[in-house]
Amino acid sequence: MIKVLLVDDHDLVRTGLSRLLSDAEGIEVVGDAKSGEEAITQQKEHQPHVVLMDANMPGIGGLEATRRMLRFDPDLKVIALTVHGDEPYPSQFISAGAMGYLTKGTDIEEMVKAIHSVNRGKLYLAAEVAQQMAISQFKNHDDNPFSKLSEREMQIMLMITRGEKVQNISDTLHLSPKTVNSYRYRLFEKLGVENDVGLTHLALRYKVIESQ
């Protein structure tokens, strides 16, 4: 039996996935978490084989949670399950150690196939994601300014665009406020914006985040 942990900040998403996967052969949902921090706690409690991980959540977010969970258990298999199918998200998750990447438009049959596939140690990418990653190898990355960002910069950018304050980001990521501000101004410089509002507008324009 493949033990699966669901991680998403939307209650309805977790409930829906749990119900859908409960009928899947060979899969048991052992827990669900609404943040990266909670996922790490549940990992230690339930010791899942596979984690379905959302990208953009409060706190440390999906990327950092993936890295920390894999440090705790290198055999864990993480599948990113997110609305963001475009680069740079897929490449960053795979670089962080994820074994799969699906969008939330994926049907339950493909999701079950992906869970079984990564549990056997095979990389699984949704067809549209694989296509985007292949195209990105040939495109000029200047088309998307967010492709210039490191994983840490992307993480802090997402926290800023959620309206989180520097001190909160500092406490969550165990960085000094000075370091967070250094990242913040580096983001402004790299992306050609002047403030948090400009950063948020740019992220919305390139569909890196969704309007609430």
N, C-alpha and C. Protein backbone atom coordinates (compact mmCIF):
# COMPACT_ATOMS: atom_id res chain seq x y z
N MET A 1 0.85 -1.20 0.00
CA MET A 1 0.00 0.00 0.00
C MET A 1 0.89 1.25 0.00
N ILE A 2 0.60 2.17 -0.92
CA ILE A 2 1.36 3.42 -1.01
C ILE A 2 0.72 4.45 -0.09
N LYS A 3 1.47 4.90 0.90
CA LYS A 3 0.96 5.90 1.84
C LYS A 3 1.18 7.30 1.26
N VAL A 4 0.09 8.07 1.14
CA VAL A 4 0.13 9.39 0.50
C VAL A 4 -0.25 10.48 1.49
N LEU A 5 0.53 11.57 1.46
CA LEU A 5 0.23 12.76 2.26
C LEU A 5 -0.17 13.88 1.32
N LEU A 6 -1.29 14.54 1.59
CA LEU A 6 -1.79 15.64 0.77
C LEU A 6 -1.42 16.96 1.41
N VAL A 7 -0.86 17.88 0.63
CA VAL A 7 -0.46 19.19 1.17
C VAL A 7 -1.02 20.29 0.28
N ASP A 8 -1.96 21.06 0.81
CA ASP A 8 -2.58 22.15 0.07
C ASP A 8 -3.26 23.07 1.08
N ASP A 9 -3.20 24.38 0.84
CA ASP A 9 -3.78 25.30 1.83
C ASP A 9 -5.28 25.47 1.67
N HIS A 10 -5.89 24.81 0.69
CA HIS A 10 -7.34 24.89 0.52
C HIS A 10 -8.00 23.61 1.05
N ASP A 11 -8.88 23.77 2.01
CA ASP A 11 -9.54 22.61 2.63
C ASP A 11 -10.31 21.78 1.61
N LEU A 12 -10.99 22.46 0.69
CA LEU A 12 -11.80 21.75 -0.29
C LEU A 12 -10.95 20.89 -1.22
N VAL A 13 -9.78 21.39 -1.57
CA VAL A 13 -8.88 20.63 -2.43
C VAL A 13 -8.43 19.35 -1.72
N ARG A 14 -8.01 19.49 -0.48
CA ARG A 14 -7.55 18.32 0.28
C ARG A 14 -8.68 17.31 0.47
N THR A 15 -9.86 17.80 0.81
CA THR A 15 -11.00 16.90 1.02
C THR A 15 -11.37 16.19 -0.27
N GLY A 16 -11.39 16.93 -1.37
CA GLY A 16 -11.75 16.34 -2.66
C GLY A 16 -10.74 15.29 -3.09
N LEU A 17 -9.44 15.60 -2.95
CA LEU A 17 -8.42 14.65 -3.34
C LEU A 17 -8.47 13.39 -2.47
N SER A 18 -8.71 13.60 -1.19
CA SER A 18 -8.77 12.45 -0.27
C SER A 18 -9.90 11.51 -0.67
N ARG A 19 -11.04 12.07 -1.02
CA ARG A 19 -12.19 11.23 -1.42
C ARG A 19 -11.91 10.51 -2.73
N LEU A 20 -11.31 11.21 -3.67
CA LEU A 20 -11.02 10.60 -4.97
C LEU A 20 -9.99 9.47 -4.85
N LEU A 21 -8.96 9.73 -4.05
CA LEU A 21 -7.89 8.74 -3.92
C LEU A 21 -8.27 7.57 -3.03
N SER A 22 -9.31 7.74 -2.21
CA SER A 22 -9.72 6.66 -1.30
C SER A 22 -10.22 5.44 -2.08
N ASP A 23 -10.66 5.66 -3.32
CA ASP A 23 -11.16 4.55 -4.14
C ASP A 23 -10.07 3.95 -5.02
N ALA A 24 -8.87 4.53 -4.99
CA ALA A 24 -7.80 4.07 -5.87
C ALA A 24 -7.12 2.83 -5.27
N GLU A 25 -6.89 1.85 -6.09
CA GLU A 25 -6.29 0.61 -5.64
C GLU A 25 -4.82 0.83 -5.25
N GLY A 26 -4.46 0.31 -4.10
CA GLY A 26 -3.07 0.34 -3.67
C GLY A 26 -2.62 1.66 -3.08
N ILE A 27 -3.56 2.59 -2.82
CA ILE A 27 -3.21 3.91 -2.28
C ILE A 27 -3.99 4.17 -0.99
N GLU A 28 -3.30 4.67 0.01
CA GLU A 28 -3.93 5.05 1.27
C GLU A 28 -3.52 6.48 1.62
N VAL A 29 -4.50 7.37 1.78
CA VAL A 29 -4.21 8.73 2.23
C VAL A 29 -4.04 8.70 3.74
N VAL A 30 -2.82 8.98 4.20
CA VAL A 30 -2.52 8.86 5.63
C VAL A 30 -2.59 10.18 6.38
N GLY A 31 -2.71 11.29 5.63
CA GLY A 31 -2.78 12.58 6.30
C GLY A 31 -2.91 13.71 5.31
N ASP A 32 -3.24 14.88 5.81
CA ASP A 32 -3.28 16.07 4.96
C ASP A 32 -2.80 17.26 5.76
N ALA A 33 -2.19 18.22 5.06
CA ALA A 33 -1.59 19.38 5.72
C ALA A 33 -1.91 20.63 4.91
N LYS A 34 -2.04 21.76 5.58
CA LYS A 34 -2.40 23.01 4.90
C LYS A 34 -1.22 23.97 4.75
N SER A 35 -0.03 23.54 5.16
CA SER A 35 1.16 24.37 5.01
C SER A 35 2.38 23.47 4.94
N GLY A 36 3.50 24.06 4.50
CA GLY A 36 4.74 23.30 4.47
C GLY A 36 5.19 22.86 5.85
N GLU A 37 5.03 23.75 6.83
CA GLU A 37 5.43 23.41 8.19
C GLU A 37 4.62 22.23 8.73
N GLU A 38 3.32 22.26 8.48
CA GLU A 38 2.46 21.17 8.94
C GLU A 38 2.79 19.87 8.21
N ALA A 39 3.16 19.99 6.93
CA ALA A 39 3.54 18.80 6.16
C ALA A 39 4.76 18.12 6.78
N ILE A 40 5.74 18.91 7.21
CA ILE A 40 6.95 18.35 7.82
C ILE A 40 6.60 17.60 9.10
N THR A 41 5.71 18.17 9.90
CA THR A 41 5.27 17.51 11.13
C THR A 41 4.56 16.20 10.82
N GLN A 42 3.67 16.24 9.82
CA GLN A 42 2.91 15.03 9.47
C GLN A 42 3.80 13.98 8.83
N GLN A 43 4.83 14.41 8.12
CA GLN A 43 5.77 13.44 7.56
C GLN A 43 6.39 12.59 8.66
N LYS A 44 6.81 13.23 9.73
CA LYS A 44 7.45 12.51 10.84
C LYS A 44 6.44 11.59 11.54
N GLU A 45 5.17 12.00 11.55
CA GLU A 45 4.15 11.20 12.22
C GLU A 45 3.70 10.01 11.37
N HIS A 46 3.48 10.25 10.07
CA HIS A 46 2.87 9.22 9.22
C HIS A 46 3.85 8.49 8.31
N GLN A 47 5.03 9.06 8.09
CA GLN A 47 6.04 8.46 7.22
C GLN A 47 5.46 8.03 5.86
N PRO A 48 4.95 8.98 5.10
CA PRO A 48 4.36 8.66 3.80
C PRO A 48 5.42 8.23 2.79
N HIS A 49 4.95 7.54 1.75
CA HIS A 49 5.83 7.19 0.64
C HIS A 49 5.83 8.28 -0.43
N VAL A 50 4.65 8.91 -0.61
CA VAL A 50 4.47 9.92 -1.66
C VAL A 50 3.75 11.13 -1.06
N VAL A 51 4.18 12.32 -1.45
CA VAL A 51 3.53 13.57 -1.04
C VAL A 51 3.03 14.31 -2.27
N LEU A 52 1.76 14.69 -2.26
CA LEU A 52 1.23 15.60 -3.28
C LEU A 52 1.35 17.01 -2.72
N MET A 53 2.19 17.83 -3.33
CA MET A 53 2.61 19.11 -2.74
C MET A 53 2.18 20.30 -3.59
N ASP A 54 1.41 21.20 -2.97
CA ASP A 54 1.08 22.46 -3.63
C ASP A 54 2.31 23.38 -3.58
N ALA A 55 2.37 24.32 -4.52
CA ALA A 55 3.55 25.21 -4.59
C ALA A 55 3.39 26.44 -3.72
N ASN A 56 2.29 27.14 -3.89
CA ASN A 56 2.14 28.46 -3.29
C ASN A 56 1.24 28.38 -2.07
N MET A 57 1.87 28.30 -0.88
CA MET A 57 1.13 28.20 0.38
C MET A 57 1.71 29.19 1.38
N PRO A 58 0.96 29.50 2.42
CA PRO A 58 1.51 30.35 3.48
C PRO A 58 2.74 29.70 4.11
N GLY A 59 3.58 30.51 4.71
CA GLY A 59 4.76 29.98 5.39
C GLY A 59 5.88 29.68 4.43
N ILE A 60 6.55 28.55 4.64
CA ILE A 60 7.74 28.26 3.85
C ILE A 60 7.42 27.89 2.40
N GLY A 61 6.18 27.51 2.10
CA GLY A 61 5.80 27.18 0.73
C GLY A 61 6.22 25.77 0.33
N GLY A 62 5.78 25.37 -0.87
CA GLY A 62 5.99 24.01 -1.33
C GLY A 62 7.42 23.67 -1.67
N LEU A 63 8.16 24.60 -2.26
CA LEU A 63 9.54 24.32 -2.65
C LEU A 63 10.42 24.04 -1.43
N GLU A 64 10.36 24.92 -0.45
CA GLU A 64 11.19 24.74 0.74
C GLU A 64 10.75 23.51 1.52
N ALA A 65 9.44 23.27 1.59
CA ALA A 65 8.95 22.08 2.27
C ALA A 65 9.48 20.82 1.59
N THR A 66 9.50 20.83 0.27
CA THR A 66 10.03 19.68 -0.48
C THR A 66 11.49 19.42 -0.11
N ARG A 67 12.30 20.47 -0.09
CA ARG A 67 13.71 20.31 0.24
C ARG A 67 13.89 19.76 1.66
N ARG A 68 13.15 20.31 2.61
CA ARG A 68 13.31 19.89 4.00
C ARG A 68 12.83 18.45 4.21
N MET A 69 11.73 18.10 3.56
CA MET A 69 11.19 16.75 3.73
C MET A 69 12.12 15.71 3.12
N LEU A 70 12.75 16.05 2.00
CA LEU A 70 13.69 15.12 1.38
C LEU A 70 14.99 14.99 2.17
N ARG A 71 15.37 16.05 2.88
CA ARG A 71 16.53 15.94 3.76
C ARG A 71 16.24 14.96 4.90
N PHE A 72 15.01 14.99 5.39
CA PHE A 72 14.61 14.09 6.48
C PHE A 72 14.48 12.66 5.98
N ASP A 73 13.94 12.49 4.76
CA ASP A 73 13.76 11.15 4.18
C ASP A 73 14.09 11.20 2.69
N PRO A 74 15.32 10.89 2.32
CA PRO A 74 15.73 10.95 0.91
C PRO A 74 14.95 10.00 0.00
N ASP A 75 14.29 8.99 0.58
CA ASP A 75 13.51 8.04 -0.23
C ASP A 75 12.10 8.53 -0.50
N LEU A 76 11.70 9.62 0.13
CA LEU A 76 10.36 10.17 -0.08
C LEU A 76 10.20 10.61 -1.54
N LYS A 77 9.02 10.41 -2.08
CA LYS A 77 8.73 10.84 -3.45
C LYS A 77 7.72 12.00 -3.38
N VAL A 78 8.09 13.14 -3.96
CA VAL A 78 7.22 14.32 -3.96
C VAL A 78 6.71 14.59 -5.36
N ILE A 79 5.40 14.81 -5.46
CA ILE A 79 4.77 15.23 -6.71
C ILE A 79 4.20 16.62 -6.49
N ALA A 80 4.68 17.59 -7.25
CA ALA A 80 4.09 18.92 -7.19
C ALA A 80 2.73 18.87 -7.87
N LEU A 81 1.71 19.39 -7.20
CA LEU A 81 0.36 19.45 -7.76
C LEU A 81 -0.12 20.88 -7.61
N THR A 82 -0.08 21.64 -8.70
CA THR A 82 -0.28 23.08 -8.59
C THR A 82 -0.95 23.64 -9.83
N VAL A 83 -1.48 24.85 -9.72
CA VAL A 83 -2.08 25.51 -10.88
C VAL A 83 -1.02 26.03 -11.84
N HIS A 84 0.23 26.11 -11.37
CA HIS A 84 1.30 26.71 -12.18
C HIS A 84 1.97 25.65 -13.05
N GLY A 85 1.62 25.62 -14.33
CA GLY A 85 2.22 24.65 -15.24
C GLY A 85 3.39 25.19 -16.02
N ASP A 86 3.57 26.51 -15.99
CA ASP A 86 4.63 27.13 -16.79
C ASP A 86 5.93 27.22 -16.00
N GLU A 87 7.02 27.35 -16.76
CA GLU A 87 8.31 27.59 -16.14
C GLU A 87 8.30 28.96 -15.45
N PRO A 88 9.08 29.15 -14.37
CA PRO A 88 10.16 28.26 -13.90
C PRO A 88 9.75 27.24 -12.85
N TYR A 89 8.45 27.16 -12.50
CA TYR A 89 8.03 26.27 -11.41
C TYR A 89 8.45 24.82 -11.60
N PRO A 90 8.14 24.18 -12.76
CA PRO A 90 8.49 22.76 -12.88
C PRO A 90 9.98 22.50 -12.69
N SER A 91 10.82 23.29 -13.35
CA SER A 91 12.26 23.07 -13.24
C SER A 91 12.75 23.25 -11.81
N GLN A 92 12.18 24.23 -11.10
CA GLN A 92 12.62 24.46 -9.74
C GLN A 92 12.21 23.33 -8.81
N PHE A 93 11.01 22.77 -9.02
CA PHE A 93 10.60 21.64 -8.19
C PHE A 93 11.44 20.41 -8.47
N ILE A 94 11.71 20.15 -9.74
CA ILE A 94 12.54 18.98 -10.08
C ILE A 94 13.95 19.17 -9.52
N SER A 95 14.48 20.40 -9.60
CA SER A 95 15.80 20.68 -9.04
C SER A 95 15.81 20.49 -7.52
N ALA A 96 14.67 20.77 -6.88
CA ALA A 96 14.57 20.60 -5.43
C ALA A 96 14.45 19.14 -5.02
N GLY A 97 14.24 18.25 -6.01
CA GLY A 97 14.18 16.82 -5.70
C GLY A 97 12.84 16.16 -5.94
N ALA A 98 11.84 16.93 -6.40
CA ALA A 98 10.53 16.33 -6.70
C ALA A 98 10.67 15.31 -7.83
N MET A 99 9.84 14.27 -7.78
CA MET A 99 9.86 13.22 -8.80
C MET A 99 8.70 13.36 -9.79
N GLY A 100 7.79 14.28 -9.51
CA GLY A 100 6.65 14.44 -10.40
C GLY A 100 6.13 15.86 -10.40
N TYR A 101 5.42 16.21 -11.46
CA TYR A 101 4.82 17.54 -11.54
C TYR A 101 3.51 17.43 -12.31
N LEU A 102 2.41 17.76 -11.64
CA LEU A 102 1.08 17.73 -12.24
C LEU A 102 0.40 19.07 -12.03
N THR A 103 -0.49 19.42 -12.93
CA THR A 103 -1.32 20.60 -12.73
C THR A 103 -2.66 20.16 -12.12
N LYS A 104 -3.37 21.12 -11.56
CA LYS A 104 -4.63 20.79 -10.89
C LYS A 104 -5.76 20.47 -11.87
N GLY A 105 -5.47 20.58 -13.16
CA GLY A 105 -6.43 20.13 -14.17
C GLY A 105 -6.30 18.65 -14.47
N THR A 106 -5.33 17.98 -13.83
CA THR A 106 -5.09 16.56 -14.04
C THR A 106 -6.27 15.73 -13.55
N ASP A 107 -6.68 14.72 -14.34
CA ASP A 107 -7.77 13.86 -13.88
C ASP A 107 -7.23 12.81 -12.90
N ILE A 108 -8.15 12.18 -12.18
CA ILE A 108 -7.77 11.27 -11.10
C ILE A 108 -7.01 10.06 -11.64
N GLU A 109 -7.35 9.61 -12.85
CA GLU A 109 -6.65 8.44 -13.42
C GLU A 109 -5.16 8.75 -13.61
N GLU A 110 -4.85 9.94 -14.14
CA GLU A 110 -3.44 10.28 -14.34
C GLU A 110 -2.75 10.50 -13.00
N MET A 111 -3.45 11.05 -12.04
CA MET A 111 -2.86 11.27 -10.73
C MET A 111 -2.47 9.94 -10.08
N VAL A 112 -3.35 8.98 -10.17
CA VAL A 112 -3.06 7.64 -9.62
C VAL A 112 -1.87 7.03 -10.36
N LYS A 113 -1.85 7.18 -11.68
CA LYS A 113 -0.73 6.67 -12.47
C LYS A 113 0.59 7.32 -12.03
N ALA A 114 0.54 8.64 -11.79
CA ALA A 114 1.74 9.36 -11.36
C ALA A 114 2.22 8.87 -10.00
N ILE A 115 1.30 8.64 -9.08
CA ILE A 115 1.66 8.18 -7.73
C ILE A 115 2.36 6.82 -7.81
N HIS A 116 1.79 5.91 -8.57
CA HIS A 116 2.41 4.59 -8.72
C HIS A 116 3.77 4.70 -9.41
N SER A 117 3.86 5.58 -10.39
CA SER A 117 5.10 5.72 -11.17
C SER A 117 6.24 6.25 -10.30
N VAL A 118 5.99 7.35 -9.58
CA VAL A 118 7.07 7.92 -8.75
C VAL A 118 7.41 6.99 -7.59
N ASN A 119 6.43 6.25 -7.11
CA ASN A 119 6.70 5.31 -6.02
C ASN A 119 7.68 4.23 -6.47
N ARG A 120 7.71 3.95 -7.78
CA ARG A 120 8.67 2.99 -8.34
C ARG A 120 9.99 3.66 -8.70
N GLY A 121 10.08 4.98 -8.42
CA GLY A 121 11.32 5.68 -8.67
C GLY A 121 11.43 6.31 -10.05
N LYS A 122 10.31 6.43 -10.75
CA LYS A 122 10.33 6.98 -12.10
C LYS A 122 9.80 8.43 -12.09
N LEU A 123 10.47 9.29 -12.83
CA LEU A 123 10.03 10.68 -12.96
C LEU A 123 8.72 10.72 -13.74
N TYR A 124 7.76 11.54 -13.28
CA TYR A 124 6.48 11.65 -13.98
C TYR A 124 6.12 13.12 -14.13
N LEU A 125 5.98 13.55 -15.38
CA LEU A 125 5.57 14.92 -15.69
C LEU A 125 4.30 14.88 -16.52
N ALA A 126 3.34 15.73 -16.17
CA ALA A 126 2.16 15.88 -17.03
C ALA A 126 2.61 16.29 -18.42
N ALA A 127 1.89 15.84 -19.43
CA ALA A 127 2.31 16.07 -20.82
C ALA A 127 2.53 17.55 -21.11
N GLU A 128 1.62 18.40 -20.64
CA GLU A 128 1.76 19.83 -20.95
C GLU A 128 2.95 20.44 -20.22
N VAL A 129 3.26 19.90 -19.05
CA VAL A 129 4.41 20.39 -18.30
C VAL A 129 5.72 19.97 -18.98
N ALA A 130 5.78 18.72 -19.40
CA ALA A 130 6.96 18.25 -20.12
C ALA A 130 7.19 19.07 -21.38
N GLN A 131 6.10 19.42 -22.06
CA GLN A 131 6.21 20.24 -23.27
C GLN A 131 6.75 21.62 -22.94
N GLN A 132 6.23 22.22 -21.88
CA GLN A 132 6.69 23.55 -21.48
C GLN A 132 8.18 23.52 -21.12
N MET A 133 8.61 22.48 -20.42
CA MET A 133 10.01 22.39 -20.02
C MET A 133 10.90 22.20 -21.25
N ALA A 134 10.42 21.41 -22.22
CA ALA A 134 11.20 21.21 -23.44
C ALA A 134 11.32 22.50 -24.24
N ILE A 135 10.20 23.21 -24.37
CA ILE A 135 10.20 24.47 -25.12
C ILE A 135 11.12 25.48 -24.45
N SER A 136 11.13 25.48 -23.11
CA SER A 136 11.92 26.48 -22.38
C SER A 136 13.41 26.30 -22.63
N GLN A 137 13.83 25.10 -23.01
CA GLN A 137 15.24 24.87 -23.29
C GLN A 137 15.70 25.62 -24.53
N PHE A 138 14.75 25.96 -25.40
CA PHE A 138 15.10 26.60 -26.67
C PHE A 138 14.68 28.07 -26.73
N LYS A 139 13.81 28.45 -25.80
CA LYS A 139 13.34 29.83 -25.81
C LYS A 139 14.32 30.75 -25.09
N ASN A 140 14.24 32.01 -25.40
CA ASN A 140 15.00 33.02 -24.68
C ASN A 140 14.34 33.22 -23.33
N HIS A 141 15.07 32.93 -22.25
CA HIS A 141 14.47 33.05 -20.92
C HIS A 141 14.10 34.49 -20.57
N ASP A 142 14.59 35.46 -21.35
CA ASP A 142 14.22 36.84 -21.10
C ASP A 142 12.72 37.05 -21.32
N ASP A 143 12.08 36.09 -22.00
CA ASP A 143 10.63 36.19 -22.21
C ASP A 143 9.90 36.19 -20.87
N ASN A 144 10.44 35.50 -19.89
CA ASN A 144 9.85 35.45 -18.57
C ASN A 144 10.89 35.88 -17.55
N PRO A 145 10.77 37.08 -17.02
CA PRO A 145 11.80 37.59 -16.10
C PRO A 145 11.94 36.75 -14.84
N PHE A 146 10.90 36.00 -14.46
CA PHE A 146 10.96 35.20 -13.24
C PHE A 146 11.88 33.99 -13.39
N SER A 147 12.21 33.64 -14.64
CA SER A 147 13.14 32.52 -14.85
C SER A 147 14.54 32.87 -14.37
N LYS A 148 14.81 34.15 -14.14
CA LYS A 148 16.13 34.58 -13.65
C LYS A 148 16.31 34.33 -12.16
N LEU A 149 15.22 34.03 -11.47
CA LEU A 149 15.28 33.96 -10.01
C LEU A 149 15.79 32.61 -9.52
N SER A 150 16.53 32.65 -8.42
CA SER A 150 16.93 31.43 -7.75
C SER A 150 15.72 30.88 -6.98
N GLU A 151 15.85 29.65 -6.46
CA GLU A 151 14.74 29.08 -5.70
C GLU A 151 14.43 29.93 -4.47
N ARG A 152 15.45 30.42 -3.78
CA ARG A 152 15.22 31.24 -2.59
C ARG A 152 14.55 32.56 -2.96
N GLU A 153 15.00 33.16 -4.06
CA GLU A 153 14.38 34.41 -4.52
C GLU A 153 12.93 34.19 -4.89
N MET A 154 12.64 33.07 -5.55
CA MET A 154 11.25 32.76 -5.90
C MET A 154 10.41 32.58 -4.64
N GLN A 155 10.96 31.90 -3.66
CA GLN A 155 10.25 31.69 -2.41
C GLN A 155 9.91 33.01 -1.72
N ILE A 156 10.88 33.90 -1.63
CA ILE A 156 10.65 35.19 -0.97
C ILE A 156 9.70 36.05 -1.79
N MET A 157 9.84 35.98 -3.12
CA MET A 157 8.92 36.73 -3.99
C MET A 157 7.47 36.31 -3.72
N LEU A 158 7.22 35.00 -3.62
CA LEU A 158 5.86 34.52 -3.37
C LEU A 158 5.34 35.00 -2.03
N MET A 159 6.20 35.03 -1.03
CA MET A 159 5.79 35.47 0.30
C MET A 159 5.47 36.97 0.29
N ILE A 160 6.27 37.74 -0.44
CA ILE A 160 6.00 39.18 -0.54
C ILE A 160 4.68 39.44 -1.24
N THR A 161 4.42 38.72 -2.33
CA THR A 161 3.19 38.95 -3.09
C THR A 161 1.95 38.46 -2.34
N ARG A 162 2.15 37.64 -1.31
CA ARG A 162 1.03 37.26 -0.44
C ARG A 162 0.79 38.30 0.63
N GLY A 163 1.63 39.34 0.66
CA GLY A 163 1.46 40.42 1.63
C GLY A 163 2.16 40.18 2.95
N GLU A 164 3.04 39.19 3.02
CA GLU A 164 3.74 38.91 4.27
C GLU A 164 4.82 39.97 4.53
N LYS A 165 4.94 40.38 5.77
CA LYS A 165 5.89 41.42 6.16
C LYS A 165 7.30 40.83 6.28
N VAL A 166 8.28 41.73 6.21
CA VAL A 166 9.68 41.30 6.26
C VAL A 166 9.96 40.51 7.54
N GLN A 167 9.47 40.98 8.68
CA GLN A 167 9.74 40.28 9.93
C GLN A 167 9.16 38.87 9.92
N ASN A 168 7.96 38.72 9.36
CA ASN A 168 7.33 37.40 9.30
C ASN A 168 8.12 36.46 8.38
N ILE A 169 8.57 37.00 7.24
CA ILE A 169 9.40 36.20 6.33
C ILE A 169 10.70 35.80 7.03
N SER A 170 11.27 36.74 7.75
CA SER A 170 12.49 36.49 8.51
C SER A 170 12.30 35.36 9.51
N ASP A 171 11.22 35.42 10.27
CA ASP A 171 10.95 34.39 11.29
C ASP A 171 10.69 33.04 10.64
N THR A 172 9.95 33.02 9.55
CA THR A 172 9.58 31.76 8.89
C THR A 172 10.78 31.07 8.28
N LEU A 173 11.65 31.83 7.62
CA LEU A 173 12.78 31.26 6.90
C LEU A 173 14.07 31.23 7.71
N HIS A 174 14.00 31.73 8.95
CA HIS A 174 15.18 31.77 9.82
C HIS A 174 16.32 32.56 9.17
N LEU A 175 15.93 33.71 8.62
CA LEU A 175 16.89 34.66 8.05
C LEU A 175 16.77 35.97 8.82
N SER A 176 17.82 36.77 8.83
CA SER A 176 17.72 38.07 9.48
C SER A 176 16.87 39.00 8.61
N PRO A 177 16.20 39.98 9.22
CA PRO A 177 15.44 40.95 8.42
C PRO A 177 16.33 41.65 7.39
N LYS A 178 17.58 41.89 7.74
CA LYS A 178 18.51 42.53 6.80
C LYS A 178 18.71 41.66 5.57
N THR A 179 18.84 40.34 5.77
CA THR A 179 19.02 39.43 4.65
C THR A 179 17.76 39.38 3.78
N VAL A 180 16.60 39.36 4.43
CA VAL A 180 15.33 39.35 3.67
C VAL A 180 15.22 40.62 2.83
N ASN A 181 15.56 41.75 3.42
CA ASN A 181 15.49 43.00 2.66
C ASN A 181 16.49 43.01 1.51
N SER A 182 17.64 42.39 1.71
CA SER A 182 18.62 42.29 0.62
C SER A 182 18.05 41.49 -0.54
N TYR A 183 17.39 40.37 -0.22
CA TYR A 183 16.73 39.59 -1.26
C TYR A 183 15.63 40.42 -1.94
N ARG A 184 14.89 41.15 -1.13
CA ARG A 184 13.77 41.95 -1.64
C ARG A 184 14.25 42.97 -2.67
N TYR A 185 15.30 43.71 -2.34
CA TYR A 185 15.80 44.72 -3.25
C TYR A 185 16.50 44.09 -4.46
N ARG A 186 17.06 42.90 -4.27
CA ARG A 186 17.64 42.19 -5.40
C ARG A 186 16.53 41.76 -6.38
N LEU A 187 15.39 41.36 -5.82
CA LEU A 187 14.24 41.03 -6.66
C LEU A 187 13.80 42.24 -7.47
N PHE A 188 13.70 43.39 -6.81
CA PHE A 188 13.30 44.60 -7.52
C PHE A 188 14.24 44.89 -8.68
N GLU A 189 15.54 44.74 -8.41
CA GLU A 189 16.54 45.04 -9.43
C GLU A 189 16.45 44.06 -10.59
N LYS A 190 16.36 42.77 -10.28
CA LYS A 190 16.32 41.75 -11.32
C LYS A 190 15.07 41.87 -12.19
N LEU A 191 13.96 42.23 -11.57
CA LEU A 191 12.68 42.24 -12.27
C LEU A 191 12.28 43.62 -12.78
N GLY A 192 13.06 44.62 -12.45
CA GLY A 192 12.79 45.95 -12.96
C GLY A 192 11.56 46.60 -12.38
N VAL A 193 11.30 46.36 -11.09
CA VAL A 193 10.16 46.99 -10.41
C VAL A 193 10.69 47.84 -9.26
N GLU A 194 9.82 48.69 -8.72
CA GLU A 194 10.28 49.63 -7.70
C GLU A 194 9.79 49.32 -6.30
N ASN A 195 8.74 48.50 -6.19
CA ASN A 195 8.19 48.24 -4.87
C ASN A 195 7.38 46.94 -4.88
N ASP A 196 6.79 46.63 -3.72
CA ASP A 196 6.03 45.38 -3.59
C ASP A 196 4.82 45.35 -4.51
N VAL A 197 4.18 46.50 -4.68
CA VAL A 197 3.01 46.56 -5.56
C VAL A 197 3.40 46.24 -7.00
N GLY A 198 4.51 46.84 -7.45
CA GLY A 198 4.99 46.56 -8.80
C GLY A 198 5.37 45.10 -8.97
N LEU A 199 5.95 44.51 -7.93
CA LEU A 199 6.31 43.10 -7.96
C LEU A 199 5.07 42.23 -8.11
N THR A 200 4.04 42.56 -7.36
CA THR A 200 2.80 41.79 -7.42
C THR A 200 2.14 41.91 -8.79
N HIS A 201 2.10 43.11 -9.33
CA HIS A 201 1.50 43.30 -10.66
C HIS A 201 2.25 42.50 -11.73
N LEU A 202 3.58 42.48 -11.63
CA LEU A 202 4.38 41.73 -12.60
C LEU A 202 4.12 40.24 -12.47
N ALA A 203 4.03 39.76 -11.23
CA ALA A 203 3.76 38.34 -11.00
C ALA A 203 2.40 37.94 -11.55
N LEU A 204 1.41 38.82 -11.40
CA LEU A 204 0.08 38.56 -11.96
C LEU A 204 0.12 38.55 -13.49
N ARG A 205 0.88 39.48 -14.05
CA ARG A 205 0.98 39.59 -15.51
C ARG A 205 1.55 38.32 -16.13
N TYR A 206 2.55 37.74 -15.47
CA TYR A 206 3.17 36.53 -16.01
C TYR A 206 2.57 35.26 -15.43
N LYS A 207 1.45 35.42 -14.69
CA LYS A 207 0.69 34.29 -14.15
C LYS A 207 1.53 33.41 -13.21
N VAL A 208 2.48 34.06 -12.53
CA VAL A 208 3.27 33.37 -11.52
C VAL A 208 2.42 33.20 -10.25
N ILE A 209 1.50 34.15 -10.03
CA ILE A 209 0.53 34.04 -8.96
C ILE A 209 -0.84 34.26 -9.57
N GLU A 210 -1.87 33.94 -8.80
CA GLU A 210 -3.24 34.14 -9.25
C GLU A 210 -3.87 35.26 -8.45
N SER A 211 -4.77 36.00 -9.09
CA SER A 211 -5.49 37.05 -8.38
C SER A 211 -6.46 36.38 -7.41
N GLN A 212 -6.60 36.99 -6.26
CA GLN A 212 -7.46 36.42 -5.23
C GLN A 212 -8.91 36.90 -5.39
